C-alpha atoms as a PDB file:
ATOM      1  CA  MET A   1     -18.782   5.351  10.398  1.00  0.00           C
ATOM      2  CA  ARG A   2     -21.765   2.895  10.827  1.00  0.00           C
ATOM      3  CA  GLN A   3     -22.592   1.086   7.656  1.00  0.00           C
ATOM      4  CA  ALA A   4     -26.011  -0.075   6.758  1.00  0.00           C
ATOM      5  CA  VAL A   5     -26.280  -3.826   6.708  1.00  0.00           C
ATOM      6  CA  ASP A   6     -27.023  -3.977   3.102  1.00  0.00           C
ATOM      7  CA  ARG A   7     -24.271  -1.656   1.991  1.00  0.00           C
ATOM      8  CA  PRO A   8     -20.818  -3.079   1.122  1.00  0.00           C
ATOM      9  CA  GLU A   9     -17.781  -1.846   2.855  1.00  0.00           C
ATOM     10  CA  PRO A  10     -16.459   1.240   0.969  1.00  0.00           C
ATOM     11  CA  ASP A  11     -13.321   1.106  -1.131  1.00  0.00           C
ATOM     12  CA  VAL A  12     -12.354   4.702  -0.454  1.00  0.00           C
ATOM     13  CA  ARG A  13     -12.919   6.776   2.849  1.00  0.00           C
ATOM     14  CA  CYS A  14     -11.978  10.308   3.672  1.00  0.00           C
ATOM     15  CA  TYR A  15     -10.894  12.517   6.404  1.00  0.00           C
ATOM     16  CA  ALA A  16     -10.896  16.256   6.294  1.00  0.00           C
ATOM     17  CA  VAL A  17      -9.411  18.585   9.020  1.00  0.00           C
ATOM     18  CA  SER A  18      -7.937  22.059   9.361  1.00  0.00           C
ATOM     19  CA  HIS A  19      -5.215  22.435  12.071  1.00  0.00           C
ATOM     20  CA  SER A  20      -3.269  25.398  13.512  1.00  0.00           C
ATOM     21  CA  GLY A  21       0.151  23.656  13.146  1.00  0.00           C
ATOM     22  CA  GLY A  22       2.325  21.279  15.146  1.00  0.00           C
ATOM     23  CA  VAL A  23       1.871  17.510  15.433  1.00  0.00           C
ATOM     24  CA  LEU A  24      -1.315  16.068  14.152  1.00  0.00           C
ATOM     25  CA  ASP A  25      -2.500  12.422  14.724  1.00  0.00           C
ATOM     26  CA  LEU A  26      -4.466  11.383  11.739  1.00  0.00           C
ATOM     27  CA  PRO A  27      -6.451   8.043  12.061  1.00  0.00           C
ATOM     28  CA  GLN A  28      -4.188   5.150  10.943  1.00  0.00           C
ATOM     29  CA  ASP A  29      -5.484   1.676   9.877  1.00  0.00           C
ATOM     30  CA  PRO A  30      -3.150  -1.202   8.668  1.00  0.00           C
ATOM     31  CA  ALA A  31      -5.716  -2.177   6.067  1.00  0.00           C
ATOM     32  CA  TRP A  32      -5.846   1.216   4.141  1.00  0.00           C
ATOM     33  CA  ASP A  33      -3.309   3.126   2.046  1.00  0.00           C
ATOM     34  CA  GLN A  34      -3.392   6.963   2.564  1.00  0.00           C
ATOM     35  CA  LEU A  35      -3.200   9.812   0.208  1.00  0.00           C
ATOM     36  CA  ILE A  36      -2.523  12.830   2.393  1.00  0.00           C
ATOM     37  CA  TYR A  37      -2.925  16.237   0.675  1.00  0.00           C
ATOM     38  CA  ALA A  38      -2.549  19.715   2.240  1.00  0.00           C
ATOM     39  CA  VAL A  39      -4.731  22.253   0.394  1.00  0.00           C
ATOM     40  CA  ARG A  40      -2.763  24.885   2.629  1.00  0.00           C
ATOM     41  CA  GLY A  41       0.348  24.411   4.695  1.00  0.00           C
ATOM     42  CA  VAL A  42       3.497  22.064   4.571  1.00  0.00           C
ATOM     43  CA  LEU A  43       3.453  18.611   5.881  1.00  0.00           C
ATOM     44  CA  THR A  44       6.380  16.792   7.357  1.00  0.00           C
ATOM     45  CA  VAL A  45       5.906  12.952   7.373  1.00  0.00           C
ATOM     46  CA  GLN A  46       8.336  11.025   9.490  1.00  0.00           C
ATOM     47  CA  THR A  47       8.755   7.202   9.379  1.00  0.00           C
ATOM     48  CA  SER A  48      11.389   4.789  10.497  1.00  0.00           C
ATOM     49  CA  ASP A  49      13.057   5.084   7.149  1.00  0.00           C
ATOM     50  CA  GLY A  50      13.246   8.891   7.083  1.00  0.00           C
ATOM     51  CA  SER A  51      11.201  12.025   6.595  1.00  0.00           C
ATOM     52  CA  TRP A  52       9.406  13.770   3.770  1.00  0.00           C
ATOM     53  CA  VAL A  53       8.543  17.391   3.406  1.00  0.00           C
ATOM     54  CA  VAL A  54       5.446  17.869   1.291  1.00  0.00           C
ATOM     55  CA  PRO A  55       4.470  21.436   0.151  1.00  0.00           C
ATOM     56  CA  PRO A  56       1.033  22.280  -1.265  1.00  0.00           C
ATOM     57  CA  HIS A  57       1.586  21.099  -4.703  1.00  0.00           C
ATOM     58  CA  ARG A  58       2.551  17.674  -3.451  1.00  0.00           C
ATOM     59  CA  ALA A  59       0.956  14.835  -1.650  1.00  0.00           C
ATOM     60  CA  ALA A  60       2.095  12.139   0.459  1.00  0.00           C
ATOM     61  CA  TRP A  61       1.432   8.398  -0.140  1.00  0.00           C
ATOM     62  CA  ILE A  62       1.601   6.289   3.070  1.00  0.00           C
ATOM     63  CA  PRO A  63       1.185   2.508   2.269  1.00  0.00           C
ATOM     64  CA  ALA A  64      -0.946   0.404   4.610  1.00  0.00           C
ATOM     65  CA  GLY A  65       0.809  -0.725   7.668  1.00  0.00           C
ATOM     66  CA  VAL A  66       3.517   2.030   7.753  1.00  0.00           C
ATOM     67  CA  LEU A  67       3.442   3.966  11.035  1.00  0.00           C
ATOM     68  CA  TYR A  68       4.261   7.614  10.630  1.00  0.00           C
ATOM     69  CA  ARG A  69       4.234  11.050  12.574  1.00  0.00           C
ATOM     70  CA  LEU A  70       2.738  13.913  10.794  1.00  0.00           C
ATOM     71  CA  GLY A  71       3.870  17.525  11.542  1.00  0.00           C
ATOM     72  CA  LEU A  72       2.455  20.735  10.217  1.00  0.00           C
ATOM     73  CA  SER A  73       4.245  23.955   9.466  1.00  0.00           C
ATOM     74  CA  GLY A  74       1.752  26.805  10.031  1.00  0.00           C
ATOM     75  CA  ARG A  75      -1.885  26.491   9.667  1.00  0.00           C
ATOM     76  CA  ALA A  76      -2.825  23.548   7.421  1.00  0.00           C
ATOM     77  CA  THR A  77      -5.998  22.270   5.628  1.00  0.00           C
ATOM     78  CA  LEU A  78      -5.811  18.585   4.907  1.00  0.00           C
ATOM     79  CA  ARG A  79      -7.687  16.285   2.720  1.00  0.00           C
ATOM     80  CA  THR A  80      -6.897  12.612   3.213  1.00  0.00           C
ATOM     81  CA  LEU A  81      -8.226   9.588   1.258  1.00  0.00           C
ATOM     82  CA  TYR A  82      -8.051   6.205   2.690  1.00  0.00           C
ATOM     83  CA  LEU A  83      -7.951   3.550  -0.076  1.00  0.00           C
ATOM     84  CA  THR A  84      -8.391  -0.199   0.790  1.00  0.00           C
ATOM     85  CA  ARG A  85      -5.290  -1.994   0.206  1.00  0.00           C
ATOM     86  CA  ALA A  86      -6.888  -4.206  -2.327  1.00  0.00           C
ATOM     87  CA  LEU A  87      -6.901  -1.294  -4.839  1.00  0.00           C
ATOM     88  CA  ALA A  88      -3.049  -1.203  -4.800  1.00  0.00           C
ATOM     89  CA  LEU A  89      -2.916   1.954  -6.701  1.00  0.00           C
ATOM     90  CA  LEU A  90       0.856   2.444  -6.055  1.00  0.00           C
ATOM     91  CA  PRO A  91       3.740   0.214  -4.857  1.00  0.00           C
ATOM     92  CA  PRO A  92       3.935  -0.174  -1.014  1.00  0.00           C
ATOM     93  CA  THR A  93       6.596   2.436  -0.198  1.00  0.00           C
ATOM     94  CA  CYS A  94       6.322   5.867   1.093  1.00  0.00           C
ATOM     95  CA  ARG A  95       6.680   8.681  -1.552  1.00  0.00           C
ATOM     96  CA  ALA A  96       5.695  12.194  -2.525  1.00  0.00           C
ATOM     97  CA  LEU A  97       3.441  12.662  -5.437  1.00  0.00           C
ATOM     98  CA  ASP A  98       2.925  15.666  -7.735  1.00  0.00           C
ATOM     99  CA  VAL A  99      -0.431  17.231  -7.417  1.00  0.00           C
ATOM    100  CA  SER A 100      -1.529  18.564 -10.772  1.00  0.00           C
ATOM    101  CA  PRO A 101      -4.511  20.953 -11.031  1.00  0.00           C
ATOM    102  CA  LEU A 102      -6.554  17.983 -12.115  1.00  0.00           C
ATOM    103  CA  LEU A 103      -5.515  15.750  -9.377  1.00  0.00           C
ATOM    104  CA  ARG A 104      -6.124  18.522  -6.864  1.00  0.00           C
ATOM    105  CA  GLU A 105      -9.890  18.798  -8.009  1.00  0.00           C
ATOM    106  CA  LEU A 106     -10.210  15.035  -8.236  1.00  0.00           C
ATOM    107  CA  ILE A 107      -8.972  14.825  -4.493  1.00  0.00           C
ATOM    108  CA  LEU A 108     -11.457  17.437  -3.317  1.00  0.00           C
ATOM    109  CA  HIS A 109     -14.251  15.988  -5.338  1.00  0.00           C
ATOM    110  CA  ALA A 110     -13.613  12.516  -3.932  1.00  0.00           C
ATOM    111  CA  VAL A 111     -13.640  13.844  -0.477  1.00  0.00           C
ATOM    112  CA  ARG A 112     -16.946  15.587  -0.987  1.00  0.00           C
ATOM    113  CA  LEU A 113     -18.352  12.408  -2.389  1.00  0.00           C
ATOM    114  CA  ALA A 114     -16.892   9.713  -0.156  1.00  0.00           C
ATOM    115  CA  PRO A 115     -17.308   7.006   0.804  1.00  0.00           C
ATOM    116  CA  LEU A 116     -16.692   5.636  -2.568  1.00  0.00           C
ATOM    117  CA  ARG A 117     -17.550   2.017  -3.663  1.00  0.00           C
ATOM    118  CA  LEU A 118     -16.419   0.358  -6.850  1.00  0.00           C
ATOM    119  CA  ALA A 119     -19.868  -1.174  -7.051  1.00  0.00           C
ATOM    120  CA  ASP A 120     -21.334   2.233  -7.839  1.00  0.00           C
ATOM    121  CA  PRO A 121     -20.421   2.916 -11.598  1.00  0.00           C
ATOM    122  CA  VAL A 122     -19.959   6.696 -10.832  1.00  0.00           C
ATOM    123  CA  HIS A 123     -17.507   5.980  -8.089  1.00  0.00           C
ATOM    124  CA  GLU A 124     -15.782   3.411 -10.106  1.00  0.00           C
ATOM    125  CA  ARG A 125     -14.999   5.934 -12.804  1.00  0.00           C
ATOM    126  CA  LEU A 126     -13.846   8.498 -10.306  1.00  0.00           C
ATOM    127  CA  ILE A 127     -11.470   5.987  -8.658  1.00  0.00           C
ATOM    128  CA  ALA A 128     -10.045   4.979 -12.206  1.00  0.00           C
ATOM    129  CA  VAL A 129      -9.307   8.636 -13.151  1.00  0.00           C
ATOM    130  CA  LEU A 130      -7.768   9.319  -9.670  1.00  0.00           C
ATOM    131  CA  ALA A 131      -5.530   6.242 -10.093  1.00  0.00           C
ATOM    132  CA  ASP A 132      -4.395   7.571 -13.458  1.00  0.00           C
ATOM    133  CA  GLN A 133      -3.263  10.834 -12.040  1.00  0.00           C
ATOM    134  CA  LEU A 134      -1.172   9.278  -9.156  1.00  0.00           C
ATOM    135  CA  VAL A 135       2.254   9.926 -10.655  1.00  0.00           C
ATOM    136  CA  PRO A 136       5.131   9.403  -8.272  1.00  0.00           C
ATOM    137  CA  LEU A 137       7.820  12.003  -8.351  1.00  0.00           C
ATOM    138  CA  GLY A 138      11.175  10.984  -9.946  1.00  0.00           C
ATOM    139  CA  ASP A 139      12.732  13.763  -7.815  1.00  0.00           C
ATOM    140  CA  VAL A 140      13.586  12.621  -4.360  1.00  0.00           C
ATOM    141  CA  ALA A 141      14.682  16.027  -3.114  1.00  0.00           C
ATOM    142  CA  LEU A 142      11.814  16.129  -0.709  1.00  0.00           C
ATOM    143  CA  GLN A 143      13.021  13.022   1.117  1.00  0.00           C
ATOM    144  CA  LEU A 144      15.611  12.827   3.745  1.00  0.00           C
ATOM    145  CA  PRO A 145      16.804   9.339   4.533  1.00  0.00           C
ATOM    146  CA  ALA A 146      17.395   8.267   8.086  1.00  0.00           C
ATOM    147  CA  PRO A 147      20.934   6.882   9.006  1.00  0.00           C
ATOM    148  CA  ARG A 148      21.168   3.846  11.169  1.00  0.00           C
ATOM    149  CA  ASP A 149      24.880   3.724  12.150  1.00  0.00           C
ATOM    150  CA  PRO A 150      24.888   5.033  15.889  1.00  0.00           C
ATOM    151  CA  ARG A 151      27.565   7.634  14.891  1.00  0.00           C
ATOM    152  CA  ALA A 152      25.695   8.868  11.967  1.00  0.00           C
ATOM    153  CA  VAL A 153      22.573   8.942  14.091  1.00  0.00           C
ATOM    154  CA  ALA A 154      24.363  11.163  16.676  1.00  0.00           C
ATOM    155  CA  VAL A 155      25.397  13.603  13.929  1.00  0.00           C
ATOM    156  CA  ALA A 156      22.001  13.637  12.239  1.00  0.00           C
ATOM    157  CA  THR A 157      20.227  14.120  15.604  1.00  0.00           C
ATOM    158  CA  ALA A 158      22.552  17.199  16.382  1.00  0.00           C
ATOM    159  CA  LEU A 159      21.958  18.732  12.864  1.00  0.00           C
ATOM    160  CA  HIS A 160      18.285  18.345  13.277  1.00  0.00           C
ATOM    161  CA  ARG A 161      18.436  20.262  16.395  1.00  0.00           C
ATOM    162  CA  ASP A 162      20.408  22.934  14.750  1.00  0.00           C
ATOM    163  CA  PRO A 163      20.368  22.965  10.965  1.00  0.00           C
ATOM    164  CA  GLY A 164      22.364  26.211  10.930  1.00  0.00           C
ATOM    165  CA  ASP A 165      25.381  24.457  12.440  1.00  0.00           C
ATOM    166  CA  ILE A 166      28.308  25.344  10.326  1.00  0.00           C
ATOM    167  CA  SER A 167      30.982  23.040  11.839  1.00  0.00           C
ATOM    168  CA  SER A 168      33.070  21.232   9.499  1.00  0.00           C
ATOM    169  CA  VAL A 169      32.507  17.416   8.838  1.00  0.00           C
ATOM    170  CA  ASP A 170      35.781  16.800  10.758  1.00  0.00           C
ATOM    171  CA  VAL A 171      34.358  18.564  13.847  1.00  0.00           C
ATOM    172  CA  LEU A 172      30.931  16.702  13.430  1.00  0.00           C
ATOM    173  CA  ALA A 173      32.835  13.414  13.318  1.00  0.00           C
ATOM    174  CA  ARG A 174      34.927  14.121  16.417  1.00  0.00           C
ATOM    175  CA  ARG A 175      31.869  14.921  18.361  1.00  0.00           C
ATOM    176  CA  ALA A 176      30.366  11.623  17.305  1.00  0.00           C
ATOM    177  CA  GLY A 177      33.569   9.784  18.305  1.00  0.00           C
ATOM    178  CA  ALA A 178      34.435   8.780  14.610  1.00  0.00           C
ATOM    179  CA  SER A 179      36.841   9.627  11.967  1.00  0.00           C
ATOM    180  CA  ARG A 180      35.642  11.695   9.035  1.00  0.00           C
ATOM    181  CA  ARG A 181      36.248   8.591   6.739  1.00  0.00           C
ATOM    182  CA  SER A 182      34.113   6.266   8.945  1.00  0.00           C
ATOM    183  CA  LEU A 183      31.451   8.814   9.254  1.00  0.00           C
ATOM    184  CA  GLU A 184      31.262   9.490   5.572  1.00  0.00           C
ATOM    185  CA  ARG A 185      31.127   5.729   4.904  1.00  0.00           C
ATOM    186  CA  ALA A 186      28.206   5.334   7.429  1.00  0.00           C
ATOM    187  CA  PHE A 187      26.232   8.204   5.711  1.00  0.00           C
ATOM    188  CA  ARG A 188      26.808   6.687   2.258  1.00  0.00           C
ATOM    189  CA  LEU A 189      25.809   3.248   3.294  1.00  0.00           C
ATOM    190  CA  ASP A 190      22.715   4.181   5.102  1.00  0.00           C
ATOM    191  CA  THR A 191      21.439   7.285   3.143  1.00  0.00           C
ATOM    192  CA  GLY A 192      23.328   7.096  -0.295  1.00  0.00           C
ATOM    193  CA  MET A 193      24.484  10.593   0.488  1.00  0.00           C
ATOM    194  CA  THR A 194      27.607  12.198   1.908  1.00  0.00           C
ATOM    195  CA  VAL A 195      27.456  14.119   5.082  1.00  0.00           C
ATOM    196  CA  GLY A 196      27.545  17.428   3.262  1.00  0.00           C
ATOM    197  CA  GLN A 197      24.799  16.268   0.797  1.00  0.00           C
ATOM    198  CA  TRP A 198      22.579  15.179   3.745  1.00  0.00           C
ATOM    199  CA  ARG A 199      23.123  18.441   5.563  1.00  0.00           C
ATOM    200  CA  ARG A 200      22.268  20.483   2.600  1.00  0.00           C
ATOM    201  CA  ARG A 201      19.042  18.434   2.037  1.00  0.00           C
ATOM    202  CA  LEU A 202      18.047  18.959   5.761  1.00  0.00           C
ATOM    203  CA  ARG A 203      18.726  22.701   5.595  1.00  0.00           C
ATOM    204  CA  MET A 204      16.497  23.113   2.460  1.00  0.00           C
ATOM    205  CA  LEU A 205      13.584  21.027   3.901  1.00  0.00           C
ATOM    206  CA  GLU A 206      13.829  22.866   7.157  1.00  0.00           C
ATOM    207  CA  ALA A 207      13.845  26.199   5.196  1.00  0.00           C
ATOM    208  CA  LEU A 208      10.533  24.817   3.538  1.00  0.00           C
ATOM    209  CA  ARG A 209       8.975  24.440   6.906  1.00  0.00           C
ATOM    210  CA  LEU A 210       9.957  27.907   8.151  1.00  0.00           C
ATOM    211  CA  LEU A 211       8.732  29.632   4.886  1.00  0.00           C
ATOM    212  CA  ALA A 212       5.485  27.911   5.229  1.00  0.00           C
ATOM    213  CA  ALA A 213       5.152  29.312   8.796  1.00  0.00           C
ATOM    214  CA  ASP A 214       5.743  32.743   7.270  1.00  0.00           C
ATOM    215  CA  VAL A 215       9.174  33.300   8.637  1.00  0.00           C
ATOM    216  CA  PRO A 216      10.974  36.054   6.466  1.00  0.00           C
ATOM    217  CA  ALA A 217      13.476  34.595   3.959  1.00  0.00           C
ATOM    218  CA  THR A 218      16.357  36.634   5.652  1.00  0.00           C
ATOM    219  CA  ILE A 219      15.608  35.011   8.891  1.00  0.00           C
ATOM    220  CA  VAL A 220      15.319  31.561   7.359  1.00  0.00           C
ATOM    221  CA  ALA A 221      18.682  31.942   5.562  1.00  0.00           C
ATOM    222  CA  ALA A 222      20.404  32.612   8.878  1.00  0.00           C
ATOM    223  CA  ARG A 223      18.606  29.812  10.699  1.00  0.00           C
ATOM    224  CA  VAL A 224      19.678  27.199   8.181  1.00  0.00           C
ATOM    225  CA  GLY A 225      23.337  28.354   8.101  1.00  0.00           C
ATOM    226  CA  TYR A 226      23.718  30.738   5.178  1.00  0.00           C
ATOM    227  CA  ALA A 227      25.410  34.228   5.639  1.00  0.00           C
ATOM    228  CA  THR A 228      23.284  35.887   2.985  1.00  0.00           C
ATOM    229  CA  PRO A 229      19.809  35.503   1.519  1.00  0.00           C
ATOM    230  CA  SER A 230      21.498  35.386  -2.005  1.00  0.00           C
ATOM    231  CA  ALA A 231      23.678  32.379  -0.913  1.00  0.00           C
ATOM    232  CA  PHE A 232      20.554  30.617   0.582  1.00  0.00           C
ATOM    233  CA  GLY A 233      18.554  31.412  -2.581  1.00  0.00           C
ATOM    234  CA  ALA A 234      21.277  29.862  -4.770  1.00  0.00           C
ATOM    235  CA  ALA A 235      21.469  26.747  -2.581  1.00  0.00           C
ATOM    236  CA  PHE A 236      17.815  26.361  -2.612  1.00  0.00           C
ATOM    237  CA  ARG A 237      17.612  26.503  -6.372  1.00  0.00           C
ATOM    238  CA  ALA A 238      20.419  23.912  -6.694  1.00  0.00           C
ATOM    239  CA  GLU A 239      18.807  21.560  -4.300  1.00  0.00           C
ATOM    240  CA  LEU A 240      15.127  21.959  -5.019  1.00  0.00           C
ATOM    241  CA  GLY A 241      15.129  23.181  -8.665  1.00  0.00           C
ATOM    242  CA  GLY A 242      13.441  26.543  -8.175  1.00  0.00           C
ATOM    243  CA  THR A 243      12.880  29.586  -5.959  1.00  0.00           C
ATOM    244  CA  PRO A 244      11.099  29.400  -2.572  1.00  0.00           C
ATOM    245  CA  ALA A 245       7.995  30.881  -4.041  1.00  0.00           C
ATOM    246  CA  ARG A 246       7.719  28.029  -6.593  1.00  0.00           C
ATOM    247  CA  TRP A 247       7.019  25.638  -3.708  1.00  0.00           C
ATOM    248  CA  PHE A 248       4.152  27.700  -2.519  1.00  0.00           C
ATOM    249  CA  VAL A 249       2.310  28.835  -5.688  1.00  0.00           C
ATOM    250  CA  ARG A 250       1.101  26.484  -8.273  1.00  0.00           C
END
């Protein structure tokens, strides 16, 4: 966007887009933090450290300089705020944020009003209220850390390809050329999770993506390795703290 010579560089920019699904390349700039919010749809943010699944009542915080890949499950409507790194509204780590009804309206209002400048008193007040509402989630259930050990990476890659794989950990370890003990040690060291815990998290996050694309729950249950919808529902509640509907209706 061309700036008039007498206008200062904005402190907050915006980007609004609707997309039918799949991979979306948002503008990325190493000097700007990003707050990515899906008014509709589920986001998957992938970085070198892992991935985050972000349903509609959450937002993704991407610090300046972090490269990422953005996937959309189903049709999505995105509202993204670019905040100059000098604002430092949150620590420089990727995270999911809770989007309260107030924060939702603040984001939408900021996008309509952007670009914002601290030199403008109205904009300054809006940015201050927005900053107060950026509350990182204590629950990390939406994050799937990425292992780094080659054997663990091989298992993780295979499970990403087929989240419904019901093979035992012993079988997964043999396929990767490792003992169960060494595989478990690698997963704990790299992700802080056992293989079983990591696989359950993967299954639930994959389920969120499928549900967002309007795949029936009975089919979702089978695709992520559960014999019955009731077993899937129980696992979903245990991992994510509520029913699938809770993640799509605020």
